[in-house]
Amino acid sequence: MDLISYWQGTVAPYIRARFAAKSERGASLVEYALLVALIAVVCIVAVTLLGKNASSKFSSVGSAVQ
């Protein structure tokens, strides 16, 4: 077996597999970061909207108690 066929049959596929795995890891990291950002935006909007409603409810209950 000569050096070129050994390289093409053994070493080159190994190197391609190693680099492909790293690029997939980076892609999934970006997907998780986007998912976390979307969840954070939804939570902020929900707290903002519910905070205003809760504040008005507490105010009406507080004035009814007095």
PDB file of N, CA and C in Angstrom:
ATOM      1  N   MET A   1       0.859  -1.167   0.000  1.00  0.00           N
ATOM      2  CA  MET A   1       0.000   0.000   0.000  1.00  0.00           C
ATOM      3  C   MET A   1       0.906   1.230   0.000  1.00  0.00           C
ATOM      4  N   ASP A   2       0.658   2.123  -0.929  1.00  0.00           N
ATOM      5  CA  ASP A   2       1.500   3.307  -0.988  1.00  0.00           C
ATOM      6  C   ASP A   2       0.906   4.435  -0.148  1.00  0.00           C
ATOM      7  N   LEU A   3       1.648   5.486  -0.001  1.00  0.00           N
ATOM      8  CA  LEU A   3       1.298   6.580   0.896  1.00  0.00           C
ATOM      9  C   LEU A   3       0.043   7.326   0.437  1.00  0.00           C
ATOM     10  N   ILE A   4      -0.132   7.521  -0.847  1.00  0.00           N
ATOM     11  CA  ILE A   4      -1.292   8.279  -1.351  1.00  0.00           C
ATOM     12  C   ILE A   4      -2.590   7.518  -1.109  1.00  0.00           C
ATOM     13  N   SER A   5      -2.626   6.235  -1.380  1.00  0.00           N
ATOM     14  CA  SER A   5      -3.848   5.475  -1.154  1.00  0.00           C
ATOM     15  C   SER A   5      -4.150   5.352   0.349  1.00  0.00           C
ATOM     16  N   TYR A   6      -3.099   5.257   1.180  1.00  0.00           N
ATOM     17  CA  TYR A   6      -3.318   5.234   2.623  1.00  0.00           C
ATOM     18  C   TYR A   6      -3.933   6.553   3.087  1.00  0.00           C
ATOM     19  N   TRP A   7      -3.412   7.666   2.555  1.00  0.00           N
ATOM     20  CA  TRP A   7      -3.943   8.983   2.921  1.00  0.00           C
ATOM     21  C   TRP A   7      -5.405   9.108   2.509  1.00  0.00           C
ATOM     22  N   GLN A   8      -5.716   8.724   1.284  1.00  0.00           N
ATOM     23  CA  GLN A   8      -7.085   8.858   0.788  1.00  0.00           C
ATOM     24  C   GLN A   8      -8.048   7.900   1.484  1.00  0.00           C
ATOM     25  N   GLY A   9      -7.582   6.745   1.871  1.00  0.00           N
ATOM     26  CA  GLY A   9      -8.460   5.755   2.463  1.00  0.00           C
ATOM     27  C   GLY A   9      -8.637   5.871   3.960  1.00  0.00           C
ATOM     28  N   THR A  10      -7.637   6.401   4.661  1.00  0.00           N
ATOM     29  CA  THR A  10      -7.687   6.392   6.122  1.00  0.00           C
ATOM     30  C   THR A  10      -7.626   7.784   6.737  1.00  0.00           C
ATOM     31  N   VAL A  11      -6.637   8.544   6.381  1.00  0.00           N
ATOM     32  CA  VAL A  11      -6.397   9.813   7.057  1.00  0.00           C
ATOM     33  C   VAL A  11      -7.396  10.883   6.619  1.00  0.00           C
ATOM     34  N   ALA A  12      -7.657  11.014   5.343  1.00  0.00           N
ATOM     35  CA  ALA A  12      -8.545  12.065   4.843  1.00  0.00           C
ATOM     36  C   ALA A  12      -9.976  11.923   5.387  1.00  0.00           C
ATOM     37  N   PRO A  13     -10.578  10.727   5.395  1.00  0.00           N
ATOM     38  CA  PRO A  13     -11.923  10.628   5.990  1.00  0.00           C
ATOM     39  C   PRO A  13     -11.940  10.954   7.482  1.00  0.00           C
ATOM     40  N   TYR A  14     -10.870  10.588   8.179  1.00  0.00           N
ATOM     41  CA  TYR A  14     -10.798  10.898   9.603  1.00  0.00           C
ATOM     42  C   TYR A  14     -10.766  12.414   9.830  1.00  0.00           C
ATOM     43  N   ILE A  15      -9.972  13.110   9.047  1.00  0.00           N
ATOM     44  CA  ILE A  15      -9.871  14.572   9.186  1.00  0.00           C
ATOM     45  C   ILE A  15     -11.189  15.230   8.820  1.00  0.00           C
ATOM     46  N   ARG A  16     -11.850  14.773   7.752  1.00  0.00           N
ATOM     47  CA  ARG A  16     -13.151  15.338   7.364  1.00  0.00           C
ATOM     48  C   ARG A  16     -14.185  15.123   8.463  1.00  0.00           C
ATOM     49  N   ALA A  17     -14.176  13.965   9.084  1.00  0.00           N
ATOM     50  CA  ALA A  17     -15.146  13.681  10.146  1.00  0.00           C
ATOM     51  C   ALA A  17     -14.892  14.559  11.365  1.00  0.00           C
ATOM     52  N   ARG A  18     -13.650  14.803  11.693  1.00  0.00           N
ATOM     53  CA  ARG A  18     -13.332  15.635  12.854  1.00  0.00           C
ATOM     54  C   ARG A  18     -13.769  17.071  12.643  1.00  0.00           C
ATOM     55  N   PHE A  19     -13.535  17.625  11.442  1.00  0.00           N
ATOM     56  CA  PHE A  19     -13.926  19.006  11.188  1.00  0.00           C
ATOM     57  C   PHE A  19     -15.430  19.148  11.047  1.00  0.00           C
ATOM     58  N   ALA A  20     -16.119  18.177  10.506  1.00  0.00           N
ATOM     59  CA  ALA A  20     -17.574  18.245  10.354  1.00  0.00           C
ATOM     60  C   ALA A  20     -18.249  18.218  11.722  1.00  0.00           C
ATOM     61  N   ALA A  21     -17.728  17.463  12.657  1.00  0.00           N
ATOM     62  CA  ALA A  21     -18.324  17.400  13.992  1.00  0.00           C
ATOM     63  C   ALA A  21     -18.210  18.745  14.701  1.00  0.00           C
ATOM     64  N   LYS A  22     -17.110  19.436  14.525  1.00  0.00           N
ATOM     65  CA  LYS A  22     -16.947  20.731  15.169  1.00  0.00           C
ATOM     66  C   LYS A  22     -17.888  21.768  14.569  1.00  0.00           C
ATOM     67  N   SER A  23     -18.114  21.711  13.258  1.00  0.00           N
ATOM     68  CA  SER A  23     -19.004  22.703  12.659  1.00  0.00           C
ATOM     69  C   SER A  23     -20.445  22.455  13.092  1.00  0.00           C
ATOM     70  N   GLU A  24     -20.846  21.209  13.296  1.00  0.00           N
ATOM     71  CA  GLU A  24     -22.198  20.915  13.768  1.00  0.00           C
ATOM     72  C   GLU A  24     -22.381  21.409  15.197  1.00  0.00           C
ATOM     73  N   ARG A  25     -21.360  21.299  16.000  1.00  0.00           N
ATOM     74  CA  ARG A  25     -21.447  21.759  17.377  1.00  0.00           C
ATOM     75  C   ARG A  25     -21.677  23.264  17.417  1.00  0.00           C
ATOM     76  N   GLY A  26     -20.997  24.007  16.565  1.00  0.00           N
ATOM     77  CA  GLY A  26     -21.190  25.448  16.506  1.00  0.00           C
ATOM     78  C   GLY A  26     -22.573  25.822  16.032  1.00  0.00           C
ATOM     79  N   ALA A  27     -23.115  25.067  15.089  1.00  0.00           N
ATOM     80  CA  ALA A  27     -24.459  25.359  14.583  1.00  0.00           C
ATOM     81  C   ALA A  27     -25.496  25.123  15.664  1.00  0.00           C
ATOM     82  N   SER A  28     -25.359  24.060  16.419  1.00  0.00           N
ATOM     83  CA  SER A  28     -26.337  23.811  17.482  1.00  0.00           C
ATOM     84  C   SER A  28     -26.200  24.843  18.593  1.00  0.00           C
ATOM     85  N   LEU A  29     -25.002  25.344  18.833  1.00  0.00           N
ATOM     86  CA  LEU A  29     -24.811  26.389  19.831  1.00  0.00           C
ATOM     87  C   LEU A  29     -25.542  27.661  19.429  1.00  0.00           C
ATOM     88  N   VAL A  30     -25.486  28.003  18.151  1.00  0.00           N
ATOM     89  CA  VAL A  30     -26.195  29.178  17.661  1.00  0.00           C
ATOM     90  C   VAL A  30     -27.699  28.974  17.787  1.00  0.00           C
ATOM     91  N   GLU A  31     -28.178  27.783  17.485  1.00  0.00           N
ATOM     92  CA  GLU A  31     -29.612  27.505  17.608  1.00  0.00           C
ATOM     93  C   GLU A  31     -30.068  27.631  19.054  1.00  0.00           C
ATOM     94  N   TYR A  32     -29.292  27.114  20.003  1.00  0.00           N
ATOM     95  CA  TYR A  32     -29.651  27.229  21.406  1.00  0.00           C
ATOM     96  C   TYR A  32     -29.631  28.685  21.867  1.00  0.00           C
ATOM     97  N   ALA A  33     -28.674  29.460  21.390  1.00  0.00           N
ATOM     98  CA  ALA A  33     -28.607  30.876  21.763  1.00  0.00           C
ATOM     99  C   ALA A  33     -29.828  31.631  21.243  1.00  0.00           C
ATOM    100  N   LEU A  34     -30.243  31.340  20.023  1.00  0.00           N
ATOM    101  CA  LEU A  34     -31.451  31.980  19.484  1.00  0.00           C
ATOM    102  C   LEU A  34     -32.687  31.572  20.263  1.00  0.00           C
ATOM    103  N   LEU A  35     -32.759  30.319  20.660  1.00  0.00           N
ATOM    104  CA  LEU A  35     -33.899  29.840  21.439  1.00  0.00           C
ATOM    105  C   LEU A  35     -33.958  30.528  22.801  1.00  0.00           C
ATOM    106  N   VAL A  36     -32.823  30.663  23.465  1.00  0.00           N
ATOM    107  CA  VAL A  36     -32.783  31.332  24.762  1.00  0.00           C
ATOM    108  C   VAL A  36     -33.164  32.803  24.615  1.00  0.00           C
ATOM    109  N   ALA A  37     -32.704  33.457  23.559  1.00  0.00           N
ATOM    110  CA  ALA A  37     -33.056  34.860  23.335  1.00  0.00           C
ATOM    111  C   ALA A  37     -34.553  35.012  23.102  1.00  0.00           C
ATOM    112  N   LEU A  38     -35.152  34.115  22.341  1.00  0.00           N
ATOM    113  CA  LEU A  38     -36.588  34.172  22.085  1.00  0.00           C
ATOM    114  C   LEU A  38     -37.380  33.957  23.374  1.00  0.00           C
ATOM    115  N   ILE A  39     -36.966  33.007  24.191  1.00  0.00           N
ATOM    116  CA  ILE A  39     -37.648  32.756  25.463  1.00  0.00           C
ATOM    117  C   ILE A  39     -37.521  33.972  26.374  1.00  0.00           C
ATOM    118  N   ALA A  40     -36.363  34.620  26.379  1.00  0.00           N
ATOM    119  CA  ALA A  40     -36.169  35.807  27.218  1.00  0.00           C
ATOM    120  C   ALA A  40     -37.084  36.941  26.774  1.00  0.00           C
ATOM    121  N   VAL A  41     -37.218  37.139  25.466  1.00  0.00           N
ATOM    122  CA  VAL A  41     -38.096  38.196  24.957  1.00  0.00           C
ATOM    123  C   VAL A  41     -39.543  37.905  25.335  1.00  0.00           C
ATOM    124  N   VAL A  42     -39.976  36.662  25.198  1.00  0.00           N
ATOM    125  CA  VAL A  42     -41.346  36.301  25.563  1.00  0.00           C
ATOM    126  C   VAL A  42     -41.584  36.518  27.055  1.00  0.00           C
ATOM    127  N   CYS A  43     -40.628  36.164  27.893  1.00  0.00           N
ATOM    128  CA  CYS A  43     -40.770  36.367  29.336  1.00  0.00           C
ATOM    129  C   CYS A  43     -40.842  37.844  29.688  1.00  0.00           C
ATOM    130  N   ILE A  44     -40.026  38.661  29.063  1.00  0.00           N
ATOM    131  CA  ILE A  44     -40.040  40.097  29.340  1.00  0.00           C
ATOM    132  C   ILE A  44     -41.372  40.713  28.940  1.00  0.00           C
ATOM    133  N   VAL A  45     -41.891  40.325  27.778  1.00  0.00           N
ATOM    134  CA  VAL A  45     -43.185  40.846  27.330  1.00  0.00           C
ATOM    135  C   VAL A  45     -44.296  40.384  28.272  1.00  0.00           C
ATOM    136  N   ALA A  46     -44.267  39.141  28.685  1.00  0.00           N
ATOM    137  CA  ALA A  46     -45.302  38.622  29.576  1.00  0.00           C
ATOM    138  C   ALA A  46     -45.266  39.322  30.932  1.00  0.00           C
ATOM    139  N   VAL A  47     -44.077  39.524  31.480  1.00  0.00           N
ATOM    140  CA  VAL A  47     -43.965  40.203  32.769  1.00  0.00           C
ATOM    141  C   VAL A  47     -44.421  41.654  32.646  1.00  0.00           C
ATOM    142  N   THR A  48     -44.100  42.300  31.555  1.00  0.00           N
ATOM    143  CA  THR A  48     -44.521  43.685  31.356  1.00  0.00           C
ATOM    144  C   THR A  48     -46.036  43.784  31.286  1.00  0.00           C
ATOM    145  N   LEU A  49     -46.665  42.925  30.501  1.00  0.00           N
ATOM    146  CA  LEU A  49     -48.120  42.975  30.372  1.00  0.00           C
ATOM    147  C   LEU A  49     -48.821  42.548  31.654  1.00  0.00           C
ATOM    148  N   LEU A  50     -48.378  41.480  32.261  1.00  0.00           N
ATOM    149  CA  LEU A  50     -49.001  41.008  33.492  1.00  0.00           C
ATOM    150  C   LEU A  50     -48.708  41.935  34.661  1.00  0.00           C
ATOM    151  N   GLY A  51     -47.570  42.596  34.642  1.00  0.00           N
ATOM    152  CA  GLY A  51     -47.232  43.530  35.703  1.00  0.00           C
ATOM    153  C   GLY A  51     -48.189  44.707  35.750  1.00  0.00           C
ATOM    154  N   LYS A  52     -48.554  45.231  34.583  1.00  0.00           N
ATOM    155  CA  LYS A  52     -49.506  46.348  34.535  1.00  0.00           C
ATOM    156  C   LYS A  52     -50.886  45.895  35.012  1.00  0.00           C
ATOM    157  N   ASN A  53     -51.331  44.740  34.578  1.00  0.00           N
ATOM    158  CA  ASN A  53     -52.634  44.221  35.013  1.00  0.00           C
ATOM    159  C   ASN A  53     -52.639  43.920  36.510  1.00  0.00           C
ATOM    160  N   ALA A  54     -51.582  43.324  37.014  1.00  0.00           N
ATOM    161  CA  ALA A  54     -51.512  43.007  38.443  1.00  0.00           C
ATOM    162  C   ALA A  54     -51.477  44.283  39.271  1.00  0.00           C
ATOM    163  N   SER A  55     -50.782  45.292  38.798  1.00  0.00           N
ATOM    164  CA  SER A  55     -50.714  46.553  39.525  1.00  0.00           C
ATOM    165  C   SER A  55     -52.094  47.207  39.621  1.00  0.00           C
ATOM    166  N   SER A  56     -52.843  47.186  38.541  1.00  0.00           N
ATOM    167  CA  SER A  56     -54.187  47.778  38.576  1.00  0.00           C
ATOM    168  C   SER A  56     -55.121  46.969  39.483  1.00  0.00           C
ATOM    169  N   LYS A  57     -54.986  45.653  39.490  1.00  0.00           N
ATOM    170  CA  LYS A  57     -55.809  44.818  40.380  1.00  0.00           C
ATOM    171  C   LYS A  57     -55.484  45.083  41.833  1.00  0.00           C
ATOM    172  N   PHE A  58     -54.195  45.166  42.163  1.00  0.00           N
ATOM    173  CA  PHE A  58     -53.814  45.440  43.547  1.00  0.00           C
ATOM    174  C   PHE A  58     -54.304  46.827  43.976  1.00  0.00           C
ATOM    175  N   SER A  59     -54.268  47.786  43.078  1.00  0.00           N
ATOM    176  CA  SER A  59     -54.747  49.125  43.403  1.00  0.00           C
ATOM    177  C   SER A  59     -56.237  49.120  43.670  1.00  0.00           C
ATOM    178  N   SER A  60     -56.998  48.401  42.840  1.00  0.00           N
ATOM    179  CA  SER A  60     -58.455  48.363  43.057  1.00  0.00           C
ATOM    180  C   SER A  60     -58.809  47.598  44.347  1.00  0.00           C
ATOM    181  N   VAL A  61     -58.092  46.536  44.646  1.00  0.00           N
ATOM    182  CA  VAL A  61     -58.338  45.793  45.895  1.00  0.00           C
ATOM    183  C   VAL A  61     -57.938  46.646  47.091  1.00  0.00           C
ATOM    184  N   GLY A  62     -56.852  47.373  46.992  1.00  0.00           N
ATOM    185  CA  GLY A  62     -56.396  48.226  48.086  1.00  0.00           C
ATOM    186  C   GLY A  62     -57.371  49.356  48.377  1.00  0.00           C
ATOM    187  N   SER A  63     -57.932  49.969  47.339  1.00  0.00           N
ATOM    188  CA  SER A  63     -58.906  51.037  47.573  1.00  0.00           C
ATOM    189  C   SER A  63     -60.234  50.479  48.058  1.00  0.00           C
ATOM    190  N   ALA A  64     -60.576  49.246  47.696  1.00  0.00           N
ATOM    191  CA  ALA A  64     -61.807  48.646  48.188  1.00  0.00           C
ATOM    192  C   ALA A  64     -61.684  48.290  49.666  1.00  0.00           C
ATOM    193  N   VAL A  65     -60.493  47.912  50.106  1.00  0.00           N
ATOM    194  CA  VAL A  65     -60.290  47.566  51.509  1.00  0.00           C
ATOM    195  C   VAL A  65     -60.378  48.807  52.382  1.00  0.00           C
ATOM    196  N   GLN A  66     -59.891  49.924  51.918  1.00  0.00           N
ATOM    197  CA  GLN A  66     -59.925  51.158  52.716  1.00  0.00           C
ATOM    198  C   GLN A  66     -61.315  51.641  52.738  1.00  0.00           C
TER     199      GLN A  66
END
